Amino acid sequence: TLFWNLPFSASRTIANADLYFLPNWNILPSRMDIPLVLTIHDCSIQRLGWDGGWKKRLWHRSIRINRLLSQARLLLCVSRSTAKELEIFFPEYKKKIRVIPLATPSVPPHICNPYCDRWKNRQLPLVVLMSDAHQRKNIPACLRSLATVAVPHQTVVVGAGSSKDGDRVHSTGVLSPAQKDALLAHTALFFYPSFYEGFGLPPQEAVARAIPVAIAT
């Protein structure tokens, strides 16, 4: 049973359960009768408070990180680098930390769909950046870096709407799963040198499709 006691709201109870799955949950109830396990993707809130707009920064400032970590029974990290960084910021919780590396799933062989017509049979190899427009994703520096590459290629930026189209750069905005699958099926290189995250789900999807991936440490 979870007993809530939040500001400006009446106390309320959620019915008994063996397990709750609550992604992106950072407001704790006043008492918990079930174990709390947190999955930690990165420590960007500690490192990069400047990222995002004022609403996101305000939301991050409301997170009571120490209370979350102290009440958790386990802290699951998706990489060893994240676990090491968490130990630096919060050494008192070292015994709770476990590492469960992301596993590369197998994906079925690609079957071309109508979206493939946009990408296949191109004269230049495709280099794909798949990200949002947050500053830590390092999109402007990525584009400047790729502009210096002597080998002719076409850069495709997916998701980050701030990039400008040009002779060698094309932005798509957000793609549907079928559109993304079509693009990845014809990608020569996946580029993901974020300022902060050395890895993530987009390059994980590229690895699952046997696409060469360039990432940062």
N, C-alpha and C. Protein backbone atom coordinates (compact mmCIF):
# COMPACT_ATOMS: atom_id res chain seq x y z
N THR A 1 0.85 -1.19 0.00
CA THR A 1 0.00 0.00 0.00
C THR A 1 0.88 1.24 0.00
N LEU A 2 0.55 2.21 -0.83
CA LEU A 2 1.27 3.49 -0.86
C LEU A 2 0.39 4.56 -0.22
N PHE A 3 0.90 5.22 0.79
CA PHE A 3 0.16 6.28 1.46
C PHE A 3 0.73 7.63 1.02
N TRP A 4 -0.06 8.37 0.26
CA TRP A 4 0.41 9.65 -0.28
C TRP A 4 0.13 10.78 0.70
N ASN A 5 1.05 11.71 0.79
CA ASN A 5 0.86 12.91 1.59
C ASN A 5 1.57 14.05 0.86
N LEU A 6 0.97 14.54 -0.20
CA LEU A 6 1.58 15.54 -1.07
C LEU A 6 1.07 16.93 -0.73
N PRO A 7 1.85 17.96 -0.99
CA PRO A 7 1.37 19.34 -0.76
C PRO A 7 0.13 19.62 -1.60
N PHE A 8 -0.79 20.36 -1.03
CA PHE A 8 -2.00 20.83 -1.73
C PHE A 8 -2.89 19.66 -2.20
N SER A 9 -2.79 18.51 -1.56
CA SER A 9 -3.66 17.40 -1.94
C SER A 9 -3.99 16.59 -0.70
N ALA A 10 -5.15 15.98 -0.75
CA ALA A 10 -5.56 15.13 0.36
C ALA A 10 -4.78 13.82 0.33
N SER A 11 -4.56 13.23 1.49
CA SER A 11 -3.88 11.93 1.53
C SER A 11 -4.73 10.90 0.82
N ARG A 12 -4.07 10.01 0.10
CA ARG A 12 -4.81 8.99 -0.62
C ARG A 12 -4.00 7.70 -0.60
N THR A 13 -4.67 6.61 -0.80
CA THR A 13 -4.06 5.30 -0.74
C THR A 13 -4.26 4.57 -2.06
N ILE A 14 -3.20 3.93 -2.56
CA ILE A 14 -3.30 3.07 -3.73
C ILE A 14 -3.43 1.64 -3.23
N ALA A 15 -4.31 0.88 -3.84
CA ALA A 15 -4.62 -0.48 -3.37
C ALA A 15 -3.37 -1.36 -3.32
N ASN A 16 -3.46 -2.44 -2.56
CA ASN A 16 -2.35 -3.38 -2.41
C ASN A 16 -1.91 -3.92 -3.76
N ALA A 17 -0.61 -4.14 -3.91
CA ALA A 17 -0.06 -4.71 -5.13
C ALA A 17 1.29 -5.33 -4.80
N ASP A 18 1.69 -6.29 -5.61
CA ASP A 18 3.02 -6.88 -5.45
C ASP A 18 4.08 -6.05 -6.17
N LEU A 19 3.67 -5.34 -7.22
CA LEU A 19 4.63 -4.57 -8.01
C LEU A 19 3.94 -3.40 -8.67
N TYR A 20 4.56 -2.22 -8.59
CA TYR A 20 4.13 -1.07 -9.37
C TYR A 20 5.26 -0.70 -10.33
N PHE A 21 4.93 -0.45 -11.57
CA PHE A 21 5.90 0.05 -12.54
C PHE A 21 5.58 1.51 -12.79
N LEU A 22 6.45 2.40 -12.32
CA LEU A 22 6.17 3.83 -12.38
C LEU A 22 7.36 4.55 -13.00
N PRO A 23 7.48 4.57 -14.32
CA PRO A 23 8.62 5.24 -14.97
C PRO A 23 8.59 6.74 -14.73
N ASN A 24 9.79 7.31 -14.58
CA ASN A 24 9.94 8.75 -14.36
C ASN A 24 9.19 9.24 -13.12
N TRP A 25 9.16 8.40 -12.10
CA TRP A 25 8.43 8.73 -10.88
C TRP A 25 9.41 9.29 -9.87
N ASN A 26 9.19 10.53 -9.42
CA ASN A 26 10.14 11.12 -8.49
C ASN A 26 9.49 11.80 -7.29
N ILE A 27 8.22 11.53 -7.05
CA ILE A 27 7.55 12.05 -5.86
C ILE A 27 7.17 10.85 -4.99
N LEU A 28 7.78 10.76 -3.82
CA LEU A 28 7.56 9.60 -2.97
C LEU A 28 6.38 9.81 -2.03
N PRO A 29 5.65 8.74 -1.73
CA PRO A 29 4.61 8.83 -0.69
C PRO A 29 5.25 8.93 0.69
N SER A 30 4.42 9.25 1.65
CA SER A 30 4.94 9.41 3.01
C SER A 30 5.37 8.08 3.62
N ARG A 31 4.78 6.98 3.18
CA ARG A 31 5.18 5.67 3.69
C ARG A 31 4.99 4.64 2.60
N MET A 32 5.89 3.67 2.54
CA MET A 32 5.79 2.61 1.53
C MET A 32 5.86 1.27 2.22
N ASP A 33 4.91 0.39 1.90
CA ASP A 33 4.92 -0.96 2.44
C ASP A 33 5.44 -1.97 1.43
N ILE A 34 5.91 -1.51 0.29
CA ILE A 34 6.53 -2.39 -0.69
C ILE A 34 7.92 -1.85 -0.99
N PRO A 35 8.86 -2.72 -1.40
CA PRO A 35 10.22 -2.25 -1.66
C PRO A 35 10.25 -1.29 -2.85
N LEU A 36 11.16 -0.32 -2.77
CA LEU A 36 11.36 0.63 -3.85
C LEU A 36 12.67 0.31 -4.54
N VAL A 37 12.61 0.09 -5.86
CA VAL A 37 13.79 -0.14 -6.68
C VAL A 37 13.85 0.95 -7.74
N LEU A 38 14.96 1.67 -7.82
CA LEU A 38 15.12 2.74 -8.79
C LEU A 38 16.07 2.30 -9.91
N THR A 39 15.71 2.61 -11.14
CA THR A 39 16.60 2.41 -12.27
C THR A 39 17.16 3.76 -12.68
N ILE A 40 18.48 3.85 -12.76
CA ILE A 40 19.15 5.12 -13.01
C ILE A 40 19.87 5.05 -14.35
N HIS A 41 19.44 5.90 -15.26
CA HIS A 41 20.04 5.93 -16.60
C HIS A 41 21.30 6.77 -16.61
N ASP A 42 21.29 7.91 -15.93
CA ASP A 42 22.46 8.78 -15.88
C ASP A 42 22.32 9.73 -14.70
N CYS A 43 23.36 10.54 -14.50
CA CYS A 43 23.36 11.51 -13.40
C CYS A 43 23.34 12.93 -13.95
N SER A 44 22.62 13.14 -15.03
CA SER A 44 22.65 14.43 -15.70
C SER A 44 22.10 15.56 -14.83
N ILE A 45 21.15 15.25 -13.94
CA ILE A 45 20.61 16.30 -13.07
C ILE A 45 21.71 16.87 -12.19
N GLN A 46 22.61 16.01 -11.74
CA GLN A 46 23.72 16.47 -10.91
C GLN A 46 24.77 17.23 -11.73
N ARG A 47 24.96 16.79 -12.97
CA ARG A 47 26.04 17.32 -13.80
C ARG A 47 25.62 18.50 -14.66
N LEU A 48 24.41 18.43 -15.23
CA LEU A 48 24.02 19.38 -16.27
C LEU A 48 22.71 20.06 -15.92
N GLY A 49 22.72 20.89 -14.90
CA GLY A 49 21.51 21.58 -14.50
C GLY A 49 21.02 22.59 -15.51
N TRP A 50 21.89 22.96 -16.49
CA TRP A 50 21.51 23.98 -17.46
C TRP A 50 20.69 23.42 -18.60
N ASP A 51 20.55 22.12 -18.70
CA ASP A 51 19.91 21.53 -19.86
C ASP A 51 18.39 21.68 -19.79
N GLY A 52 17.76 22.01 -20.91
CA GLY A 52 16.32 22.10 -20.98
C GLY A 52 15.81 23.50 -20.65
N GLY A 53 14.51 23.72 -20.83
CA GLY A 53 13.89 25.00 -20.55
C GLY A 53 13.63 25.20 -19.07
N TRP A 54 13.04 26.35 -18.74
CA TRP A 54 12.86 26.69 -17.32
C TRP A 54 11.89 25.75 -16.63
N LYS A 55 10.88 25.24 -17.35
CA LYS A 55 9.92 24.32 -16.74
C LYS A 55 10.61 23.01 -16.35
N LYS A 56 11.47 22.52 -17.24
CA LYS A 56 12.18 21.28 -16.93
C LYS A 56 13.17 21.49 -15.78
N ARG A 57 13.85 22.64 -15.78
CA ARG A 57 14.78 22.91 -14.69
C ARG A 57 14.05 23.01 -13.35
N LEU A 58 12.87 23.64 -13.37
CA LEU A 58 12.07 23.75 -12.14
C LEU A 58 11.63 22.37 -11.65
N TRP A 59 11.22 21.51 -12.60
CA TRP A 59 10.81 20.15 -12.23
C TRP A 59 11.98 19.38 -11.64
N HIS A 60 13.16 19.52 -12.24
CA HIS A 60 14.34 18.83 -11.72
C HIS A 60 14.70 19.32 -10.32
N ARG A 61 14.55 20.61 -10.08
CA ARG A 61 14.88 21.15 -8.77
C ARG A 61 13.93 20.63 -7.69
N SER A 62 12.74 20.17 -8.10
CA SER A 62 11.77 19.66 -7.12
C SER A 62 12.05 18.22 -6.72
N ILE A 63 12.93 17.56 -7.44
CA ILE A 63 13.21 16.15 -7.14
C ILE A 63 14.07 16.06 -5.88
N ARG A 64 13.61 15.31 -4.93
CA ARG A 64 14.34 15.13 -3.68
C ARG A 64 15.22 13.89 -3.83
N ILE A 65 16.38 14.09 -4.44
CA ILE A 65 17.23 12.97 -4.84
C ILE A 65 17.66 12.15 -3.64
N ASN A 66 18.09 12.80 -2.58
CA ASN A 66 18.58 12.06 -1.42
C ASN A 66 17.48 11.20 -0.81
N ARG A 67 16.25 11.72 -0.80
CA ARG A 67 15.16 10.93 -0.24
C ARG A 67 14.86 9.72 -1.11
N LEU A 68 14.88 9.93 -2.41
CA LEU A 68 14.68 8.80 -3.32
C LEU A 68 15.72 7.71 -3.08
N LEU A 69 16.99 8.11 -3.05
CA LEU A 69 18.06 7.13 -2.91
C LEU A 69 18.05 6.46 -1.54
N SER A 70 17.74 7.23 -0.50
CA SER A 70 17.76 6.66 0.85
C SER A 70 16.65 5.65 1.06
N GLN A 71 15.47 5.88 0.46
CA GLN A 71 14.35 4.96 0.64
C GLN A 71 14.42 3.74 -0.27
N ALA A 72 15.23 3.82 -1.31
CA ALA A 72 15.30 2.70 -2.26
C ALA A 72 16.05 1.53 -1.65
N ARG A 73 15.57 0.33 -1.95
CA ARG A 73 16.27 -0.87 -1.51
C ARG A 73 17.42 -1.20 -2.47
N LEU A 74 17.20 -0.97 -3.77
CA LEU A 74 18.23 -1.21 -4.78
C LEU A 74 18.27 -0.03 -5.75
N LEU A 75 19.47 0.24 -6.28
CA LEU A 75 19.68 1.25 -7.31
C LEU A 75 20.28 0.55 -8.51
N LEU A 76 19.47 0.37 -9.55
CA LEU A 76 19.92 -0.35 -10.74
C LEU A 76 20.46 0.65 -11.75
N CYS A 77 21.69 0.47 -12.17
CA CYS A 77 22.32 1.33 -13.18
C CYS A 77 22.46 0.56 -14.49
N VAL A 78 22.28 1.28 -15.60
CA VAL A 78 22.29 0.60 -16.89
C VAL A 78 23.70 0.51 -17.47
N SER A 79 24.69 1.07 -16.79
CA SER A 79 26.07 0.94 -17.26
C SER A 79 27.01 1.08 -16.06
N ARG A 80 28.22 0.55 -16.21
CA ARG A 80 29.21 0.66 -15.14
C ARG A 80 29.66 2.10 -14.94
N SER A 81 29.70 2.89 -16.04
CA SER A 81 30.11 4.28 -15.90
C SER A 81 29.10 5.07 -15.07
N THR A 82 27.79 4.77 -15.26
CA THR A 82 26.77 5.43 -14.45
C THR A 82 26.91 5.04 -12.99
N ALA A 83 27.18 3.76 -12.72
CA ALA A 83 27.34 3.30 -11.34
C ALA A 83 28.53 3.99 -10.67
N LYS A 84 29.65 4.12 -11.40
CA LYS A 84 30.82 4.79 -10.83
C LYS A 84 30.52 6.25 -10.52
N GLU A 85 29.80 6.90 -11.44
CA GLU A 85 29.47 8.32 -11.22
C GLU A 85 28.52 8.48 -10.04
N LEU A 86 27.56 7.58 -9.91
CA LEU A 86 26.64 7.63 -8.78
C LEU A 86 27.39 7.47 -7.47
N GLU A 87 28.40 6.61 -7.45
CA GLU A 87 29.20 6.43 -6.25
C GLU A 87 29.98 7.69 -5.89
N ILE A 88 30.39 8.45 -6.92
CA ILE A 88 31.11 9.70 -6.66
C ILE A 88 30.18 10.73 -6.02
N PHE A 89 28.96 10.87 -6.55
CA PHE A 89 28.02 11.86 -6.03
C PHE A 89 27.42 11.42 -4.70
N PHE A 90 27.15 10.11 -4.55
CA PHE A 90 26.45 9.60 -3.36
C PHE A 90 27.15 8.35 -2.84
N PRO A 91 28.36 8.48 -2.29
CA PRO A 91 29.11 7.30 -1.84
C PRO A 91 28.41 6.52 -0.73
N GLU A 92 27.52 7.20 0.01
CA GLU A 92 26.85 6.52 1.13
C GLU A 92 25.90 5.43 0.66
N TYR A 93 25.54 5.42 -0.64
CA TYR A 93 24.60 4.42 -1.14
C TYR A 93 25.29 3.37 -2.01
N LYS A 94 26.59 3.25 -1.88
CA LYS A 94 27.36 2.35 -2.74
C LYS A 94 26.88 0.90 -2.63
N LYS A 95 26.51 0.47 -1.44
CA LYS A 95 26.12 -0.93 -1.25
C LYS A 95 24.79 -1.27 -1.93
N LYS A 96 24.01 -0.27 -2.28
CA LYS A 96 22.72 -0.52 -2.93
C LYS A 96 22.83 -0.64 -4.45
N ILE A 97 23.97 -0.25 -5.00
CA ILE A 97 24.09 -0.12 -6.45
C ILE A 97 24.33 -1.48 -7.10
N ARG A 98 23.58 -1.75 -8.15
CA ARG A 98 23.78 -2.94 -8.99
C ARG A 98 23.83 -2.48 -10.44
N VAL A 99 24.61 -3.17 -11.25
CA VAL A 99 24.73 -2.83 -12.67
C VAL A 99 24.05 -3.90 -13.51
N ILE A 100 23.11 -3.47 -14.34
CA ILE A 100 22.45 -4.37 -15.29
C ILE A 100 22.64 -3.75 -16.67
N PRO A 101 23.69 -4.14 -17.40
CA PRO A 101 23.96 -3.50 -18.69
C PRO A 101 22.81 -3.72 -19.66
N LEU A 102 22.62 -2.73 -20.52
CA LEU A 102 21.63 -2.87 -21.57
C LEU A 102 22.02 -4.04 -22.48
N ALA A 103 21.07 -4.86 -22.82
CA ALA A 103 21.32 -5.98 -23.72
C ALA A 103 20.87 -5.61 -25.12
N THR A 104 21.68 -5.97 -26.11
CA THR A 104 21.31 -5.70 -27.50
C THR A 104 20.33 -6.77 -27.96
N PRO A 105 19.10 -6.40 -28.25
CA PRO A 105 18.11 -7.40 -28.66
C PRO A 105 18.34 -7.83 -30.11
N SER A 106 17.80 -8.97 -30.44
CA SER A 106 17.81 -9.39 -31.84
C SER A 106 16.58 -8.79 -32.52
N VAL A 107 16.75 -8.37 -33.74
CA VAL A 107 15.63 -7.80 -34.49
C VAL A 107 15.42 -8.64 -35.74
N PRO A 108 14.19 -8.76 -36.19
CA PRO A 108 13.94 -9.55 -37.40
C PRO A 108 14.57 -8.90 -38.61
N PRO A 109 14.88 -9.69 -39.64
CA PRO A 109 15.45 -9.10 -40.86
C PRO A 109 14.53 -8.03 -41.43
N HIS A 110 15.16 -7.00 -41.97
CA HIS A 110 14.38 -5.89 -42.50
C HIS A 110 13.67 -6.28 -43.79
N ILE A 111 12.42 -5.92 -43.87
CA ILE A 111 11.64 -6.08 -45.10
C ILE A 111 11.29 -4.68 -45.59
N CYS A 112 11.75 -4.34 -46.79
CA CYS A 112 11.55 -2.98 -47.28
C CYS A 112 10.06 -2.62 -47.33
N ASN A 113 9.77 -1.38 -46.90
CA ASN A 113 8.41 -0.86 -46.92
C ASN A 113 8.42 0.40 -47.79
N PRO A 114 7.28 1.01 -48.03
CA PRO A 114 7.25 2.20 -48.91
C PRO A 114 8.16 3.33 -48.47
N TYR A 115 8.46 3.41 -47.16
CA TYR A 115 9.33 4.48 -46.67
C TYR A 115 10.78 4.30 -47.13
N CYS A 116 11.14 3.08 -47.53
CA CYS A 116 12.52 2.83 -47.96
C CYS A 116 12.85 3.56 -49.26
N ASP A 117 11.85 3.87 -50.06
CA ASP A 117 12.11 4.53 -51.34
C ASP A 117 12.83 5.86 -51.15
N ARG A 118 12.64 6.45 -49.98
CA ARG A 118 13.27 7.75 -49.71
C ARG A 118 14.78 7.63 -49.50
N TRP A 119 15.23 6.45 -49.04
CA TRP A 119 16.62 6.32 -48.61
C TRP A 119 17.46 5.37 -49.47
N LYS A 120 16.86 4.36 -50.05
CA LYS A 120 17.66 3.37 -50.76
C LYS A 120 18.12 3.90 -52.11
N ASN A 121 19.16 3.28 -52.65
CA ASN A 121 19.72 3.62 -53.95
C ASN A 121 20.25 5.05 -54.01
N ARG A 122 20.66 5.59 -52.87
CA ARG A 122 21.27 6.92 -52.86
C ARG A 122 22.75 6.80 -53.23
N GLN A 123 23.24 7.79 -53.92
CA GLN A 123 24.63 7.77 -54.34
C GLN A 123 25.59 7.98 -53.17
N LEU A 124 25.16 8.76 -52.16
CA LEU A 124 26.02 9.03 -51.01
C LEU A 124 25.59 8.17 -49.82
N PRO A 125 26.55 7.65 -49.05
CA PRO A 125 26.19 6.89 -47.84
C PRO A 125 25.54 7.80 -46.81
N LEU A 126 24.62 7.22 -46.03
CA LEU A 126 23.87 7.99 -45.03
C LEU A 126 24.56 7.90 -43.67
N VAL A 127 24.78 9.06 -43.06
CA VAL A 127 25.24 9.15 -41.67
C VAL A 127 24.09 9.72 -40.85
N VAL A 128 23.64 8.99 -39.83
CA VAL A 128 22.43 9.36 -39.10
C VAL A 128 22.76 9.81 -37.68
N LEU A 129 22.18 10.95 -37.28
CA LEU A 129 22.15 11.41 -35.90
C LEU A 129 20.70 11.34 -35.44
N MET A 130 20.43 10.60 -34.37
CA MET A 130 19.06 10.43 -33.90
C MET A 130 19.00 10.89 -32.45
N SER A 131 18.33 12.01 -32.21
CA SER A 131 18.36 12.60 -30.89
C SER A 131 17.29 13.67 -30.78
N ASP A 132 17.11 14.20 -29.56
CA ASP A 132 16.31 15.40 -29.41
C ASP A 132 17.26 16.60 -29.47
N ALA A 133 16.73 17.79 -29.23
CA ALA A 133 17.52 19.01 -29.41
C ALA A 133 18.17 19.50 -28.12
N HIS A 134 18.19 18.70 -27.05
CA HIS A 134 18.80 19.14 -25.80
C HIS A 134 20.28 19.46 -26.02
N GLN A 135 20.77 20.43 -25.26
CA GLN A 135 22.15 20.87 -25.44
C GLN A 135 23.16 19.75 -25.23
N ARG A 136 22.86 18.85 -24.29
CA ARG A 136 23.84 17.81 -24.01
C ARG A 136 24.01 16.82 -25.16
N LYS A 137 23.09 16.84 -26.12
CA LYS A 137 23.19 15.92 -27.25
C LYS A 137 24.27 16.33 -28.25
N ASN A 138 24.71 17.60 -28.18
CA ASN A 138 25.88 18.02 -28.93
C ASN A 138 25.67 18.05 -30.45
N ILE A 139 24.43 18.27 -30.89
CA ILE A 139 24.12 18.23 -32.32
C ILE A 139 24.92 19.26 -33.13
N PRO A 140 25.01 20.54 -32.72
CA PRO A 140 25.78 21.50 -33.53
C PRO A 140 27.23 21.08 -33.74
N ALA A 141 27.89 20.59 -32.67
CA ALA A 141 29.28 20.16 -32.81
C ALA A 141 29.37 18.93 -33.71
N CYS A 142 28.38 18.05 -33.63
CA CYS A 142 28.37 16.87 -34.51
C CYS A 142 28.33 17.29 -35.97
N LEU A 143 27.47 18.25 -36.28
CA LEU A 143 27.32 18.70 -37.66
C LEU A 143 28.60 19.38 -38.15
N ARG A 144 29.22 20.19 -37.27
CA ARG A 144 30.48 20.83 -37.66
C ARG A 144 31.56 19.78 -37.92
N SER A 145 31.59 18.75 -37.08
CA SER A 145 32.57 17.69 -37.25
C SER A 145 32.36 16.93 -38.56
N LEU A 146 31.12 16.57 -38.83
CA LEU A 146 30.83 15.82 -40.05
C LEU A 146 31.09 16.65 -41.30
N ALA A 147 30.97 17.97 -41.19
CA ALA A 147 31.22 18.83 -42.35
C ALA A 147 32.68 18.81 -42.78
N THR A 148 33.57 18.38 -41.87
CA THR A 148 34.99 18.35 -42.20
C THR A 148 35.43 17.01 -42.79
N VAL A 149 34.53 16.02 -42.80
CA VAL A 149 34.89 14.69 -43.30
C VAL A 149 35.05 14.75 -44.82
N ALA A 150 36.18 14.24 -45.31
CA ALA A 150 36.48 14.34 -46.74
C ALA A 150 35.63 13.38 -47.57
N VAL A 151 35.24 12.25 -46.97
CA VAL A 151 34.46 11.27 -47.73
C VAL A 151 33.05 11.82 -47.97
N PRO A 152 32.59 11.92 -49.19
CA PRO A 152 31.23 12.43 -49.45
C PRO A 152 30.17 11.57 -48.77
N HIS A 153 29.21 12.21 -48.16
CA HIS A 153 28.15 11.50 -47.46
C HIS A 153 26.96 12.44 -47.30
N GLN A 154 25.83 11.88 -46.88
CA GLN A 154 24.63 12.66 -46.56
C GLN A 154 24.35 12.48 -45.08
N THR A 155 24.24 13.60 -44.34
CA THR A 155 23.91 13.55 -42.92
C THR A 155 22.41 13.71 -42.75
N VAL A 156 21.81 12.81 -41.96
CA VAL A 156 20.38 12.86 -41.68
C VAL A 156 20.20 13.03 -40.17
N VAL A 157 19.53 14.10 -39.76
CA VAL A 157 19.29 14.38 -38.34
C VAL A 157 17.83 14.04 -38.04
N VAL A 158 17.62 13.12 -37.12
CA VAL A 158 16.26 12.66 -36.77
C VAL A 158 15.90 13.16 -35.39
N GLY A 159 14.76 13.83 -35.26
CA GLY A 159 14.24 14.21 -33.96
C GLY A 159 14.57 15.61 -33.51
N ALA A 160 15.77 16.10 -33.81
CA ALA A 160 16.17 17.44 -33.39
C ALA A 160 15.79 18.43 -34.48
N GLY A 161 14.71 19.14 -34.26
CA GLY A 161 14.18 20.00 -35.31
C GLY A 161 14.96 21.28 -35.53
N SER A 162 16.02 21.53 -34.73
CA SER A 162 16.74 22.80 -34.84
C SER A 162 17.77 22.79 -35.96
N SER A 163 18.11 21.62 -36.50
CA SER A 163 19.13 21.57 -37.55
C SER A 163 18.56 22.11 -38.86
N LYS A 164 19.44 22.68 -39.67
CA LYS A 164 19.02 23.26 -40.93
C LYS A 164 19.39 22.35 -42.09
N ASP A 165 18.49 22.22 -43.04
CA ASP A 165 18.78 21.43 -44.23
C ASP A 165 19.82 22.13 -45.09
N GLY A 166 20.58 21.34 -45.79
CA GLY A 166 21.58 21.88 -46.71
C GLY A 166 21.94 20.81 -47.73
N ASP A 167 23.03 21.05 -48.44
CA ASP A 167 23.45 20.10 -49.46
C ASP A 167 23.79 18.75 -48.85
N ARG A 168 24.38 18.77 -47.65
CA ARG A 168 24.82 17.51 -47.04
C ARG A 168 24.10 17.20 -45.74
N VAL A 169 23.16 18.03 -45.32
CA VAL A 169 22.43 17.81 -44.08
C VAL A 169 20.93 17.86 -44.35
N HIS A 170 20.23 16.85 -43.85
CA HIS A 170 18.77 16.80 -44.01
C HIS A 170 18.16 16.44 -42.67
N SER A 171 17.17 17.22 -42.19
CA SER A 171 16.49 16.93 -40.93
C SER A 171 15.10 16.39 -41.22
N THR A 172 14.70 15.39 -40.44
CA THR A 172 13.42 14.72 -40.68
C THR A 172 12.37 15.03 -39.64
N GLY A 173 12.76 15.54 -38.47
CA GLY A 173 11.80 15.61 -37.37
C GLY A 173 11.60 14.21 -36.79
N VAL A 174 10.53 14.03 -36.05
CA VAL A 174 10.25 12.74 -35.41
C VAL A 174 9.71 11.77 -36.46
N LEU A 175 10.20 10.53 -36.42
CA LEU A 175 9.76 9.49 -37.36
C LEU A 175 8.90 8.45 -36.66
N SER A 176 8.01 7.86 -37.41
CA SER A 176 7.24 6.72 -36.90
C SER A 176 8.16 5.50 -36.85
N PRO A 177 7.78 4.43 -36.13
CA PRO A 177 8.62 3.23 -36.10
C PRO A 177 8.93 2.68 -37.49
N ALA A 178 7.95 2.65 -38.38
CA ALA A 178 8.19 2.14 -39.73
C ALA A 178 9.14 3.03 -40.51
N GLN A 179 9.01 4.36 -40.34
CA GLN A 179 9.91 5.28 -41.01
C GLN A 179 11.33 5.16 -40.47
N LYS A 180 11.45 5.01 -39.16
CA LYS A 180 12.78 4.86 -38.55
C LYS A 180 13.43 3.56 -38.99
N ASP A 181 12.66 2.49 -39.04
CA ASP A 181 13.19 1.20 -39.48
C ASP A 181 13.70 1.29 -40.92
N ALA A 182 12.97 2.00 -41.77
CA ALA A 182 13.38 2.15 -43.17
C ALA A 182 14.69 2.93 -43.25
N LEU A 183 14.83 3.99 -42.46
CA LEU A 183 16.05 4.78 -42.49
C LEU A 183 17.24 3.97 -41.99
N LEU A 184 17.08 3.29 -40.85
CA LEU A 184 18.18 2.52 -40.29
C LEU A 184 18.61 1.39 -41.22
N ALA A 185 17.68 0.84 -41.98
CA ALA A 185 18.01 -0.25 -42.89
C ALA A 185 18.98 0.19 -43.99
N HIS A 186 19.05 1.50 -44.24
CA HIS A 186 19.90 2.01 -45.32
C HIS A 186 20.95 2.99 -44.79
N THR A 187 21.29 2.86 -43.49
CA THR A 187 22.26 3.74 -42.85
C THR A 187 23.65 3.13 -42.90
N ALA A 188 24.65 3.96 -43.23
CA ALA A 188 26.03 3.48 -43.27
C ALA A 188 26.75 3.68 -41.94
N LEU A 189 26.38 4.74 -41.19
CA LEU A 189 27.03 5.03 -39.92
C LEU A 189 26.06 5.76 -39.01
N PHE A 190 26.02 5.36 -37.74
CA PHE A 190 25.19 6.01 -36.74
C PHE A 190 26.11 6.82 -35.84
N PHE A 191 25.85 8.13 -35.72
CA PHE A 191 26.75 9.07 -35.04
C PHE A 191 26.07 9.56 -33.77
N TYR A 192 26.72 9.39 -32.60
CA TYR A 192 26.06 9.72 -31.33
C TYR A 192 27.08 10.21 -30.29
N PRO A 193 27.88 11.24 -30.61
CA PRO A 193 28.85 11.74 -29.62
C PRO A 193 28.24 12.81 -28.72
N SER A 194 27.40 12.40 -27.79
CA SER A 194 26.78 13.32 -26.84
C SER A 194 27.82 13.93 -25.92
N PHE A 195 27.54 15.15 -25.41
CA PHE A 195 28.40 15.76 -24.40
C PHE A 195 28.49 14.87 -23.16
N TYR A 196 27.39 14.20 -22.87
CA TYR A 196 27.33 13.53 -21.57
C TYR A 196 27.10 12.03 -21.66
N GLU A 197 26.12 11.60 -22.42
CA GLU A 197 25.78 10.18 -22.44
C GLU A 197 26.68 9.42 -23.42
N GLY A 198 27.41 8.46 -22.93
CA GLY A 198 28.24 7.67 -23.80
C GLY A 198 27.45 6.65 -24.59
N PHE A 199 26.26 6.34 -24.11
CA PHE A 199 25.45 5.35 -24.80
C PHE A 199 23.99 5.68 -24.57
N GLY A 200 23.08 4.92 -25.15
CA GLY A 200 21.66 5.20 -24.99
C GLY A 200 20.85 4.28 -25.89
N LEU A 201 19.54 4.47 -25.87
CA LEU A 201 18.66 3.59 -26.64
C LEU A 201 18.80 3.76 -28.15
N PRO A 202 18.94 4.99 -28.70
CA PRO A 202 19.08 5.09 -30.16
C PRO A 202 20.28 4.32 -30.72
N PRO A 203 21.50 4.47 -30.16
CA PRO A 203 22.60 3.64 -30.68
C PRO A 203 22.41 2.15 -30.40
N GLN A 204 21.68 1.84 -29.32
CA GLN A 204 21.38 0.44 -29.03
C GLN A 204 20.57 -0.17 -30.18
N GLU A 205 19.61 0.59 -30.69
CA GLU A 205 18.80 0.11 -31.81
C GLU A 205 19.66 -0.06 -33.06
N ALA A 206 20.63 0.85 -33.25
CA ALA A 206 21.52 0.74 -34.40
C ALA A 206 22.41 -0.49 -34.29
N VAL A 207 22.94 -0.75 -33.09
CA VAL A 207 23.78 -1.94 -32.87
C VAL A 207 22.99 -3.21 -33.18
N ALA A 208 21.71 -3.22 -32.77
CA ALA A 208 20.88 -4.40 -33.02
C ALA A 208 20.70 -4.67 -34.50
N ARG A 209 20.88 -3.63 -35.31
CA ARG A 209 20.75 -3.78 -36.76
C ARG A 209 22.11 -3.88 -37.46
N ALA A 210 23.16 -4.09 -36.66
CA ALA A 210 24.52 -4.28 -37.19
C ALA A 210 25.02 -3.05 -37.95
N ILE A 211 24.63 -1.85 -37.51
CA ILE A 211 25.11 -0.62 -38.11
C ILE A 211 26.33 -0.15 -37.31
N PRO A 212 27.42 0.25 -37.97
CA PRO A 212 28.54 0.84 -37.23
C PRO A 212 28.09 2.07 -36.45
N VAL A 213 28.54 2.18 -35.20
CA VAL A 213 28.12 3.27 -34.32
C VAL A 213 29.33 4.00 -33.80
N ALA A 214 29.33 5.33 -33.91
CA ALA A 214 30.38 6.17 -33.32
C ALA A 214 29.78 6.89 -32.13
N ILE A 215 30.37 6.67 -30.93
CA ILE A 215 29.86 7.28 -29.71
C ILE A 215 31.00 7.92 -28.93
N ALA A 216 30.67 8.64 -27.87
CA ALA A 216 31.67 9.25 -27.00
C ALA A 216 31.83 8.42 -25.73
N THR A 217 32.91 8.68 -25.00
CA THR A 217 33.08 7.99 -23.72
C THR A 217 32.20 8.66 -22.67
